[in-house]
Protein backbone atom coordinates (compact mmCIF):
# COMPACT_ATOMS: atom_id res chain seq x y z
CA UNK A 1 0.00 0.00 0.00
CA UNK A 2 1.28 3.45 -0.90
CA UNK A 3 1.63 5.93 1.94
CA UNK A 4 1.68 9.05 -0.24
CA UNK A 5 -1.42 10.90 -1.42
CA UNK A 6 -2.80 10.78 -4.96
CA UNK A 7 -3.47 14.29 -6.29
CA UNK A 8 -6.32 14.47 -8.79
CA UNK A 9 -6.49 17.69 -10.81
CA UNK A 10 -10.14 18.26 -11.70
CA UNK A 11 -9.63 21.24 -14.01
CA UNK A 12 -8.72 24.94 -13.94
CA UNK A 13 -12.17 26.53 -13.44
CA UNK A 14 -12.52 28.61 -10.26
CA UNK A 15 -14.87 31.12 -8.62
CA UNK A 16 -11.90 33.29 -7.56
CA UNK A 17 -9.42 35.16 -9.72
CA UNK A 18 -6.27 35.09 -7.59
CA UNK A 19 -3.27 37.16 -8.64
CA UNK A 20 -0.94 34.24 -7.84
CA UNK A 21 -2.86 31.35 -9.43
CA UNK A 22 -0.43 29.05 -11.21
CA UNK A 23 -3.13 27.48 -13.44
CA UNK A 24 -4.96 30.66 -14.47
CA UNK A 25 -3.63 30.57 -18.05
CA UNK A 26 -5.10 27.12 -18.56
CA UNK A 27 -8.66 28.50 -18.21
CA UNK A 28 -8.34 30.24 -21.57
CA UNK A 29 -8.07 27.05 -23.62
CA UNK A 30 -8.88 24.20 -21.29
CA UNK A 31 -12.17 22.85 -19.95
CA UNK A 32 -12.52 20.99 -16.69
CA UNK A 33 -11.99 17.26 -16.96
CA UNK A 34 -15.00 15.02 -17.48
CA UNK A 35 -16.50 12.91 -14.71
CA UNK A 36 -15.53 9.71 -16.50
CA UNK A 37 -11.95 10.85 -17.06
CA UNK A 38 -11.52 11.58 -13.37
CA UNK A 39 -13.13 8.28 -12.38
CA UNK A 40 -10.64 6.45 -14.61
CA UNK A 41 -7.81 8.17 -12.76
CA UNK A 42 -9.33 7.21 -9.40
CA UNK A 43 -9.44 3.57 -10.52
CA UNK A 44 -5.85 3.78 -11.74
CA UNK A 45 -4.84 5.14 -8.33
CA UNK A 46 -6.66 2.24 -6.71
CA UNK A 47 -4.75 -0.24 -8.90
CA UNK A 48 -1.47 1.39 -7.87
CA UNK A 49 -2.31 0.94 -4.20
CA UNK A 50 -3.18 4.47 -3.13
CA UNK A 51 -5.38 4.88 -0.06
CA UNK A 52 -5.28 8.68 0.17
CA UNK A 53 -6.69 10.99 -2.48
CA UNK A 54 -7.01 14.76 -2.81
CA UNK A 55 -9.02 16.67 -5.40
CA UNK A 56 -7.35 19.90 -6.49
CA UNK A 57 -8.03 22.59 -9.08
CA UNK A 58 -9.04 25.19 -9.95
CA UNK A 59 -11.83 24.91 -7.43
CA UNK A 60 -13.24 21.39 -6.86
CA UNK A 61 -16.38 22.54 -5.02
CA UNK A 62 -17.90 24.37 -8.02
CA UNK A 63 -18.19 21.07 -9.92
CA UNK A 64 -21.72 19.66 -9.91
CA UNK A 65 -20.30 16.15 -9.68
CA UNK A 66 -17.92 16.69 -6.75
CA UNK A 67 -20.08 14.68 -4.31
CA UNK A 68 -20.34 11.91 -6.91
CA UNK A 69 -16.55 11.85 -7.29
CA UNK A 70 -15.98 11.78 -3.54
CA UNK A 71 -18.49 8.93 -3.17
CA UNK A 72 -16.83 7.04 -6.04
CA UNK A 73 -13.45 7.33 -4.31
CA UNK A 74 -14.93 6.09 -1.04
CA UNK A 75 -16.57 3.11 -2.73
CA UNK A 76 -13.24 2.20 -4.31
CA UNK A 77 -11.42 1.86 -1.04
CA UNK A 78 -9.84 5.26 -0.49
CA UNK A 79 -9.62 5.87 3.23
CA UNK A 80 -8.61 9.53 3.35
CA UNK A 81 -10.50 11.69 0.86
CA UNK A 82 -9.73 15.39 0.78
CA UNK A 83 -10.09 18.57 -1.24
CA UNK A 84 -8.12 21.78 -1.43
CA UNK A 85 -10.60 24.62 -1.66
CA UNK A 86 -11.11 28.35 -1.25
CA UNK A 87 -14.02 27.35 0.97
CA UNK A 88 -16.61 29.69 -0.51
CA UNK A 89 -19.11 26.97 -1.40
CA UNK A 90 -18.67 25.51 2.07
CA UNK A 91 -20.40 28.59 3.46
CA UNK A 92 -23.61 26.75 2.51
CA UNK A 93 -24.44 24.26 5.25
CA UNK A 94 -26.41 21.85 3.06
CA UNK A 95 -23.48 21.57 0.65
CA UNK A 96 -21.15 20.85 3.58
CA UNK A 97 -23.47 18.11 4.81
CA UNK A 98 -23.74 16.57 1.34
CA UNK A 99 -19.95 16.47 0.90
CA UNK A 100 -19.35 14.86 4.28
CA UNK A 101 -22.12 12.30 3.71
CA UNK A 102 -20.46 11.44 0.37
CA UNK A 103 -17.29 10.46 2.21
CA UNK A 104 -15.12 13.57 2.40
CA UNK A 105 -13.04 13.45 5.57
CA UNK A 106 -10.33 16.09 5.06
CA UNK A 107 -10.42 19.69 3.82
CA UNK A 108 -7.58 22.14 3.19
CA UNK A 109 -8.77 25.75 3.07
CA UNK A 110 -6.87 28.39 1.11
CA UNK A 111 -6.53 31.41 3.39
CA UNK A 112 -4.28 34.29 2.38
CA UNK A 113 -5.52 37.28 4.35
CA UNK A 114 -7.24 38.25 7.58
CA UNK A 115 -9.05 41.36 6.34
CA UNK A 116 -11.28 42.00 3.38
CA UNK A 117 -9.25 44.87 1.94
CA UNK A 118 -6.18 42.71 1.33
CA UNK A 119 -8.22 39.68 0.36
CA UNK A 120 -10.01 41.66 -2.40
CA UNK A 121 -6.65 42.62 -3.86
CA UNK A 122 -5.59 38.97 -3.88
CA UNK A 123 -8.66 37.23 -5.34
CA UNK A 124 -10.73 40.10 -6.80
CA UNK A 125 -13.85 39.21 -4.78
CA UNK A 126 -15.83 41.36 -2.36
CA UNK A 127 -17.32 38.40 -0.48
CA UNK A 128 -14.73 35.61 -0.72
CA UNK A 129 -13.12 36.03 2.71
CA UNK A 130 -16.47 36.17 4.49
CA UNK A 131 -17.56 32.99 2.72
CA UNK A 132 -14.27 31.20 3.42
CA UNK A 133 -14.46 31.97 7.14
CA UNK A 134 -18.11 30.88 7.21
CA UNK A 135 -17.09 27.63 5.55
CA UNK A 136 -14.37 27.04 8.13
CA UNK A 137 -16.90 27.71 10.88
CA UNK A 138 -19.42 25.31 9.33
CA UNK A 139 -16.86 22.50 9.20
CA UNK A 140 -15.82 22.83 12.85
CA UNK A 141 -18.85 20.80 13.91
CA UNK A 142 -17.66 17.71 12.02
CA UNK A 143 -15.21 16.31 14.55
CA UNK A 144 -14.04 13.46 12.30
CA UNK A 145 -13.17 15.76 9.39
CA UNK A 146 -9.52 16.84 9.40
CA UNK A 147 -9.12 20.55 8.67
CA UNK A 148 -5.99 22.33 7.51
CA UNK A 149 -5.09 25.65 5.88
CA UNK A 150 -2.86 26.56 2.95
CA UNK A 151 -1.28 30.03 2.60
CA UNK A 152 0.68 31.31 -0.40
CA UNK A 153 3.36 33.79 0.71
CA UNK A 154 3.34 36.99 -1.34
CA UNK A 155 3.96 40.71 -0.99
CA UNK A 156 0.39 41.44 0.10
CA UNK A 157 0.40 39.05 3.05
CA UNK A 158 3.92 38.17 4.20
CA UNK A 159 3.95 40.83 6.92
CA UNK A 160 0.68 39.49 8.31
CA UNK A 161 1.60 35.79 8.55
CA UNK A 162 1.45 36.02 12.32
CA UNK A 163 -2.12 37.37 12.14
CA UNK A 164 -3.07 34.59 9.71
CA UNK A 165 -1.60 32.08 12.16
CA UNK A 166 -3.78 33.43 14.97
CA UNK A 167 -6.89 33.38 12.79
CA UNK A 168 -6.27 29.75 11.84
CA UNK A 169 -5.79 28.82 15.49
CA UNK A 170 -9.05 30.53 16.46
CA UNK A 171 -10.88 27.82 14.48
CA UNK A 172 -9.01 25.07 16.31
CA UNK A 173 -7.16 24.06 13.13
CA UNK A 174 -3.83 22.37 13.90
CA UNK A 175 -2.19 21.91 10.50
CA UNK A 176 -0.88 24.71 8.27
CA UNK A 177 0.76 24.62 4.83
CA UNK A 178 2.93 27.64 3.98
CA UNK A 179 4.05 27.82 0.35
CA UNK A 180 6.21 30.04 -1.78
CA UNK A 181 4.34 31.10 -4.92
CA UNK A 182 5.09 29.13 -8.09
CA UNK A 183 6.06 31.51 -10.95
CA UNK A 184 3.51 30.28 -13.45
CA UNK A 185 0.16 31.51 -14.71
CA UNK A 186 -1.01 34.70 -13.00
CA UNK A 187 1.93 34.54 -10.59
CA UNK A 188 4.34 34.82 -13.51
CA UNK A 189 2.43 37.72 -15.06
CA UNK A 190 2.33 39.56 -11.71
CA UNK A 191 5.74 38.41 -10.50
CA UNK A 192 7.37 41.78 -9.82
CA UNK A 193 4.27 43.04 -8.02
CA UNK A 194 3.70 40.10 -5.70
CA UNK A 195 7.05 38.40 -5.12
CA UNK A 196 8.75 38.79 -1.73
CA UNK A 197 12.55 39.02 -1.70
CA UNK A 198 14.24 36.27 0.31
CA UNK A 199 15.99 38.82 2.53
CA UNK A 200 12.56 40.20 3.47
CA UNK A 201 10.78 36.91 4.15
CA UNK A 202 13.70 35.22 5.95
CA UNK A 203 13.40 36.98 9.35
CA UNK A 204 9.60 36.87 9.28
CA UNK A 205 9.24 33.18 8.51
CA UNK A 206 11.95 32.17 10.99
CA UNK A 207 10.31 34.19 13.77
CA UNK A 208 6.95 32.69 12.84
CA UNK A 209 8.28 29.13 13.01
CA UNK A 210 9.80 29.71 16.46
CA UNK A 211 6.35 30.01 18.03
CA UNK A 212 4.06 27.26 16.77
CA UNK A 213 2.68 25.84 20.00
CA UNK A 214 -0.90 26.12 18.70
CA UNK A 215 -0.13 23.78 15.79
CA UNK A 216 0.55 20.06 15.55
CA UNK A 217 2.11 20.31 12.09
CA UNK A 218 3.44 23.06 9.83
CA UNK A 219 4.50 22.15 6.30
CA UNK A 220 6.63 24.62 4.34
CA UNK A 221 7.05 24.34 0.55
CA UNK A 222 9.37 25.68 -2.14
CA UNK A 223 11.71 28.01 -0.28
CA UNK A 224 15.49 27.58 -0.59
CA UNK A 225 16.53 25.62 2.49
CA UNK A 226 19.29 28.07 3.40
CA UNK A 227 16.81 30.79 4.41
CA UNK A 228 15.82 28.77 7.48
CA UNK A 229 17.65 28.90 10.80
CA UNK A 230 19.34 25.66 11.76
CA UNK A 231 17.07 24.97 14.74
CA UNK A 232 14.00 24.93 12.48
CA UNK A 233 15.16 21.64 10.96
CA UNK A 234 15.18 19.89 14.34
CA UNK A 235 11.60 20.85 15.21
CA UNK A 236 9.52 17.72 14.74
CA UNK A 237 6.38 19.76 14.13
CA UNK A 238 7.89 21.40 11.05
CA UNK A 239 8.27 19.68 7.68
CA UNK A 240 10.21 21.55 5.00
CA UNK A 241 9.76 20.40 1.41
CA UNK A 242 11.94 21.67 -1.40
CA UNK A 243 12.47 18.58 -3.58
CA UNK A 244 11.15 15.69 -1.51
CA UNK A 245 7.50 15.90 -2.60
CA UNK A 246 7.41 12.28 -3.76
CA UNK A 247 7.26 11.06 -0.19
CA UNK A 248 4.03 13.03 0.28
CA UNK A 249 2.09 13.32 -3.00
CA UNK A 250 1.91 11.84 -6.50
CA UNK A 251 0.00 13.25 -9.47
CA UNK A 252 -0.81 10.96 -12.40
CA UNK A 253 -2.94 13.02 -14.77
CA UNK A 254 -4.14 16.55 -15.40
CA UNK A 255 -0.69 18.11 -15.60
CA UNK A 256 0.05 20.62 -18.36
CA UNK A 257 3.74 19.96 -17.85
CA UNK A 258 5.76 17.61 -15.71
CA UNK A 259 7.36 19.74 -13.01
CA UNK A 260 9.61 17.17 -11.35
CA UNK A 261 11.79 14.43 -12.81
CA UNK A 262 13.28 11.62 -10.76
CA UNK A 263 16.15 9.21 -10.57
CA UNK A 264 15.57 5.58 -9.60
CA UNK A 265 13.77 5.43 -6.29
CA UNK A 266 12.10 8.81 -6.89
CA UNK A 267 15.05 10.93 -5.85
CA UNK A 268 14.37 14.26 -7.51
CA UNK A 269 16.98 15.50 -9.94
CA UNK A 270 15.21 18.51 -11.48
CA UNK A 271 12.45 21.03 -10.93
CA UNK A 272 11.67 22.76 -14.23
CA UNK A 273 10.96 26.05 -12.45
CA UNK A 274 14.20 26.12 -10.44
CA UNK A 275 17.94 26.46 -10.89
CA UNK A 276 20.85 25.41 -8.70
CA UNK A 277 23.55 28.05 -8.78
CA UNK A 278 27.26 27.76 -7.96
CA UNK A 279 26.42 28.80 -4.41
CA UNK A 280 23.83 26.01 -4.21
CA UNK A 281 26.46 23.46 -5.16
CA UNK A 282 28.59 24.56 -2.18
CA UNK A 283 25.76 23.72 0.25
CA UNK A 284 25.66 20.55 2.33
CA UNK A 285 21.91 20.33 1.61
CA UNK A 286 22.19 20.62 -2.17
CA UNK A 287 20.67 17.18 -2.78
CA UNK A 288 17.58 18.05 -0.74
CA UNK A 289 17.04 21.60 -1.99
CA UNK A 290 15.51 22.67 -5.28
CA UNK A 291 17.46 25.91 -5.39
CA UNK A 292 16.06 29.23 -6.65
CA UNK A 293 13.17 29.93 -8.98
CA UNK A 294 14.66 30.65 -12.41
CA UNK A 295 12.59 33.83 -12.64
CA UNK A 296 13.95 35.00 -9.29
CA UNK A 297 17.54 34.29 -10.28
CA UNK A 298 17.17 36.29 -13.51
CA UNK A 299 16.08 39.33 -11.49
CA UNK A 300 18.26 39.22 -8.39
CA UNK A 301 20.83 36.48 -8.74
CA UNK A 302 21.84 34.36 -5.76
CA UNK A 303 23.50 36.95 -3.51
CA UNK A 304 20.96 36.28 -0.74
CA UNK A 305 21.86 32.61 -0.48
CA UNK A 306 24.18 31.52 2.34
CA UNK A 307 25.13 27.85 1.80
CA UNK A 308 25.13 25.53 4.80
CA UNK A 309 28.56 24.10 5.59
CA UNK A 310 29.61 20.77 7.12
CA UNK A 311 29.00 22.25 10.57
CA UNK A 312 25.24 22.14 9.84
CA UNK A 313 25.35 18.38 10.40
């Protein structure tokens, strides 16, 4: 049995218009996948031994067949069935009840702001934050449903990560995913406007990760490993992923391009969005780190990187 999670991309359609969305360009020429196509992928995942599945988009909850797909996964032996969502549709209690009855038992909410002014700038919606928070509140009553939150770090929210942390904790949510934005889609078009320099995010994220007593798990994605203080790596509550995604998730279909390539045994050798510079090759963690985004390197080089030496071990 596989321990990692099967990611199922349902299509690019969404009821938000986020300035950092990595799949936004796909909406122009690509429809959401058909019910039957997704069911075939679920069956393929079953054959490969997956027991965990997550529906991602786009926005899974705006599909009319999402309850059908969740139920299909449950009937085919998947034990943990989750979605990543902006949570707006979950503001409707009946829809929440229908999803849970279908077999959904884990939900990851996308939360990128604590006030409506900033949130409107991020996703272009007047009501999205209110609906997301209502959805989170609705789901609190389902004790057997695991809740988590995903936050994309960007210029509009990086200074308020501590406030986002407190808001998440106020709902009793114990797991948080913090991700660097992927320079694709809208994020690539808006890169200069929304990207945070490493020298600016480094002190903030390290201070944030020092005080995580309200959380059971914090998972950090796609930052160069050398921006983190050494003690962060020894905290068992914190998982830092730069190239080691294969131990956590696998995606079979729905990809417009293959981001990661592997050696035998799934050891990553390349991330198509990243580059390892000469400084990276001096680092003791070079085999575990993806390096810098290529777009970032073109703009600012690698002067902010400070390679870890042998003493790190």
